[in-house]
Amino acid sequence: MTLTKLTLLSSALFLATLSQSAQANSKAITEAELTAAQQAWGTALISISEAYATGGREQAEQQARAVLDAAYGYNLGPVLFKPTLASGDQTFRTTYDGALAYFVGGNSSFANDSGFALKGWQGYEFNNAAVHMNGDLALTMGHVKLTNKDGSVTTVDKTWGFKKDDKGALRIVLHHSSLPYSAN
C-alpha cells in the first residue's frame, strides 16, 4: 500500500471516529435539558390538578395520559417507578396503567389509588442534592416541594433517572419518591 493510500485510509478512519464521537455527544444530556425536564414534571403535575379542578376526573385522566406519553419512558421498556404513597403488592409501578392509576385513580386493579395528581397542587420546586450525568442518562436525587391550594407544603425525597430517546427527548425511566424519614 502506498503512503497516499495509507494517509487517505487513516484520514477516513479518523473522520469516522470523529463522526461517531459527535453523534454520541449529541445524545449527551445537558444540564439545561435536565433542569427543563425536572421543571416540566412539576408543571405537568400541576396541569393534571388544574384539569381535575376544571373538568373532573375524565379531563384529568386525559391530561395525565398526555403527560405520561410525553415525559415517561414506557415506550422504551419498564419504568422503575416507586410512588410516594404506594405499598404492598402495588409499591412498584413498572407499567403505564400502574402509573396512570397512581396519578388519577379510577382503576379497580389499583383500588387504593385516589389520584396523587388530583390533590390540588399549585406550586412546585425541586432542589437536587446531587446529579450524575453519563451520556444519554442522567440521575438526580433531592427534594421536591409541592404546595396545595391551601398553601400547605409537602416535601418528598425524589430520585429520577432520565434517558434521552432517539428523538432527543428526555424520558423518565426511574422515578422513586418517598416521604422523608421521621423518627417519631
Protein backbone atom coordinates (compact mmCIF):
# COMPACT_ATOMS: atom_id res chain seq x y z
CA MET A 1 0.00 0.00 0.00
CA THR A 2 1.32 3.41 -0.87
CA LEU A 3 1.80 6.23 1.57
CA THR A 4 -1.02 8.21 -0.10
CA LYS A 5 -3.46 5.31 0.31
CA LEU A 6 -2.42 4.85 3.94
CA THR A 7 -2.88 8.55 4.59
CA LEU A 8 -6.34 8.52 2.96
CA LEU A 9 -7.32 5.39 4.92
CA SER A 10 -6.06 6.89 8.19
CA SER A 11 -7.88 10.14 7.47
CA ALA A 12 -11.10 8.28 6.68
CA LEU A 13 -10.86 6.26 9.92
CA PHE A 14 -10.12 9.41 11.91
CA LEU A 15 -13.12 11.23 10.39
CA ALA A 16 -15.38 8.22 11.02
CA THR A 17 -14.26 8.16 14.66
CA LEU A 18 -14.90 11.90 14.99
CA SER A 19 -18.33 11.48 13.44
CA GLN A 20 -19.23 8.68 15.86
CA SER A 21 -17.94 10.74 18.76
CA ALA A 22 -20.01 13.76 17.67
CA GLN A 23 -23.12 11.58 17.37
CA ALA A 24 -22.55 10.19 20.86
CA ASN A 25 -22.01 13.68 22.26
CA SER A 26 -25.19 14.97 20.59
CA LYS A 27 -27.09 12.38 22.61
CA ALA A 28 -25.45 13.50 25.84
CA ILE A 29 -27.89 15.14 28.24
CA THR A 30 -27.02 18.73 29.12
CA GLU A 31 -27.64 20.42 32.47
CA ALA A 32 -30.12 22.76 30.78
CA GLU A 33 -32.10 19.83 29.37
CA LEU A 34 -32.12 18.11 32.74
CA THR A 35 -33.30 21.23 34.57
CA ALA A 36 -36.01 21.76 31.95
CA ALA A 37 -37.20 18.15 32.30
CA GLN A 38 -37.42 18.40 36.09
CA GLN A 39 -39.29 21.70 35.86
CA ALA A 40 -41.61 20.26 33.20
CA TRP A 41 -42.54 17.38 35.53
CA GLY A 42 -43.77 19.83 38.17
CA THR A 43 -45.64 21.90 35.60
CA ALA A 44 -47.24 18.71 34.28
CA LEU A 45 -48.32 17.59 37.77
CA ILE A 46 -49.97 20.98 38.34
CA SER A 47 -51.65 20.77 34.93
CA ILE A 48 -53.28 17.46 35.92
CA SER A 49 -54.53 19.04 39.17
CA GLU A 50 -55.91 22.00 37.21
CA ALA A 51 -57.60 19.71 34.67
CA TYR A 52 -59.28 17.89 37.55
CA ALA A 53 -60.44 21.15 39.17
CA THR A 54 -61.95 22.48 35.95
CA GLY A 55 -63.12 19.33 34.18
CA GLY A 56 -63.23 16.44 36.63
CA ARG A 57 -61.52 13.09 36.63
CA GLU A 58 -62.03 12.37 32.93
CA GLN A 59 -60.23 15.55 31.88
CA ALA A 60 -57.50 14.89 34.45
CA GLU A 61 -57.02 11.39 33.02
CA GLN A 62 -56.66 12.79 29.50
CA GLN A 63 -54.04 15.24 30.76
CA ALA A 64 -52.25 12.52 32.74
CA ARG A 65 -52.09 10.31 29.65
CA ALA A 66 -50.55 13.19 27.69
CA VAL A 67 -48.00 13.70 30.49
CA LEU A 68 -47.11 10.01 30.69
CA ASP A 69 -46.77 9.83 26.89
CA ALA A 70 -44.51 12.89 26.76
CA ALA A 71 -42.41 12.52 29.91
CA TYR A 72 -42.08 8.85 30.84
CA GLY A 73 -40.16 6.14 29.01
CA TYR A 74 -42.78 3.39 28.96
CA ASN A 75 -42.20 3.30 25.19
CA LEU A 76 -38.58 2.28 25.96
CA GLY A 77 -39.47 -0.56 28.35
CA PRO A 78 -40.43 -0.84 32.01
CA VAL A 79 -40.10 2.33 34.06
CA LEU A 80 -38.74 1.91 37.58
CA PHE A 81 -41.48 3.87 39.32
CA LYS A 82 -41.96 3.80 43.11
CA PRO A 83 -44.65 6.35 44.00
CA THR A 84 -44.73 8.21 47.30
CA LEU A 85 -47.98 6.76 48.61
CA ALA A 86 -47.89 3.17 47.36
CA SER A 87 -47.43 -0.02 49.37
CA GLY A 88 -47.76 -3.78 49.37
CA ASP A 89 -48.03 -5.60 46.06
CA GLN A 90 -48.58 -2.27 44.31
CA THR A 91 -45.49 -0.46 45.61
CA PHE A 92 -43.74 -0.55 42.24
CA ARG A 93 -45.42 0.71 39.05
CA THR A 94 -43.45 -0.62 36.11
CA THR A 95 -46.41 -0.35 33.73
CA TYR A 96 -48.16 2.59 32.12
CA ASP A 97 -51.53 1.60 33.66
CA GLY A 98 -49.99 1.44 37.14
CA ALA A 99 -48.54 4.93 36.77
CA LEU A 100 -51.79 6.33 35.38
CA ALA A 101 -53.73 4.84 38.30
CA TYR A 102 -51.34 6.43 40.77
CA PHE A 103 -51.72 9.88 39.27
CA VAL A 104 -55.52 9.89 38.73
CA GLY A 105 -57.01 6.81 40.43
CA GLY A 106 -60.12 5.20 38.94
CA ASN A 107 -58.59 1.80 38.18
CA SER A 108 -60.06 -1.14 40.12
CA SER A 109 -56.78 -3.04 39.71
CA PHE A 110 -55.21 -0.30 41.87
CA ALA A 111 -58.12 0.23 44.26
CA ASN A 112 -56.01 2.04 46.90
CA ASP A 113 -55.09 4.85 44.49
CA SER A 114 -57.11 8.03 44.93
CA GLY A 115 -55.06 10.07 42.47
CA PHE A 116 -51.92 11.80 43.72
CA ALA A 117 -52.16 14.41 40.96
CA LEU A 118 -55.73 15.29 41.98
CA LYS A 119 -54.71 16.82 45.30
CA GLY A 120 -54.98 20.45 44.15
CA TRP A 121 -51.27 21.05 43.58
CA GLN A 122 -50.50 24.66 42.68
CA GLY A 123 -46.79 25.07 43.39
CA TYR A 124 -43.67 23.03 42.73
CA GLU A 125 -39.96 23.37 43.32
CA PHE A 126 -37.05 20.97 43.31
CA ASN A 127 -33.64 21.05 44.91
CA ASN A 128 -31.11 18.47 43.76
CA ALA A 129 -28.72 17.14 46.38
CA ALA A 130 -26.69 15.50 43.62
CA VAL A 131 -26.75 14.86 39.89
CA HIS A 132 -24.91 12.14 37.99
CA MET A 133 -24.72 12.55 34.22
CA ASN A 134 -23.34 9.92 31.88
CA GLY A 135 -24.02 10.47 28.19
CA ASP A 136 -27.69 9.89 27.42
CA LEU A 137 -28.53 9.01 31.05
CA ALA A 138 -28.85 11.41 33.99
CA LEU A 139 -29.72 10.60 37.61
CA THR A 140 -30.89 13.13 40.17
CA MET A 141 -31.60 12.91 43.89
CA GLY A 142 -33.01 15.58 46.14
CA HIS A 143 -36.17 17.16 47.48
CA VAL A 144 -39.37 18.14 45.73
CA LYS A 145 -41.74 20.56 47.44
CA LEU A 146 -45.38 20.60 46.41
CA THR A 147 -47.82 23.29 47.51
CA ASN A 148 -51.56 22.60 47.54
CA LYS A 149 -54.44 25.05 47.13
CA ASP A 150 -54.50 25.71 50.91
CA GLY A 151 -50.81 26.69 50.90
CA SER A 152 -49.67 23.53 52.70
CA VAL A 153 -46.28 22.29 51.54
CA THR A 154 -45.42 18.61 51.20
CA THR A 155 -41.76 17.69 50.83
CA VAL A 156 -40.79 14.38 49.27
CA ASP A 157 -37.45 12.71 48.69
CA LYS A 158 -37.14 12.20 44.93
CA THR A 159 -34.77 10.22 42.72
CA TRP A 160 -35.16 10.40 38.95
CA GLY A 161 -33.42 8.74 36.05
CA PHE A 162 -33.75 10.44 32.66
CA LYS A 163 -32.76 8.82 29.36
CA LYS A 164 -32.53 10.70 26.08
CA ASP A 165 -34.53 8.84 23.43
CA ASP A 166 -33.74 8.55 19.71
CA LYS A 167 -35.66 11.77 19.01
CA GLY A 168 -33.68 13.73 21.61
CA ALA A 169 -36.45 13.88 24.23
CA LEU A 170 -35.65 13.16 27.87
CA ARG A 171 -37.74 10.31 29.23
CA ILE A 172 -38.17 9.38 32.88
CA VAL A 173 -37.06 5.76 33.27
CA LEU A 174 -36.58 5.87 37.06
CA HIS A 175 -38.88 7.70 39.47
CA HIS A 176 -38.56 6.95 43.18
CA SER A 177 -40.44 9.07 45.66
CA SER A 178 -40.84 8.77 49.40
CA LEU A 179 -41.72 10.85 52.40
CA PRO A 180 -38.72 11.97 54.48
CA TYR A 181 -37.90 9.69 57.40
CA SER A 182 -39.24 10.79 60.76
CA ALA A 183 -38.00 9.18 63.97
CA ASN A 184 -41.36 9.86 65.67
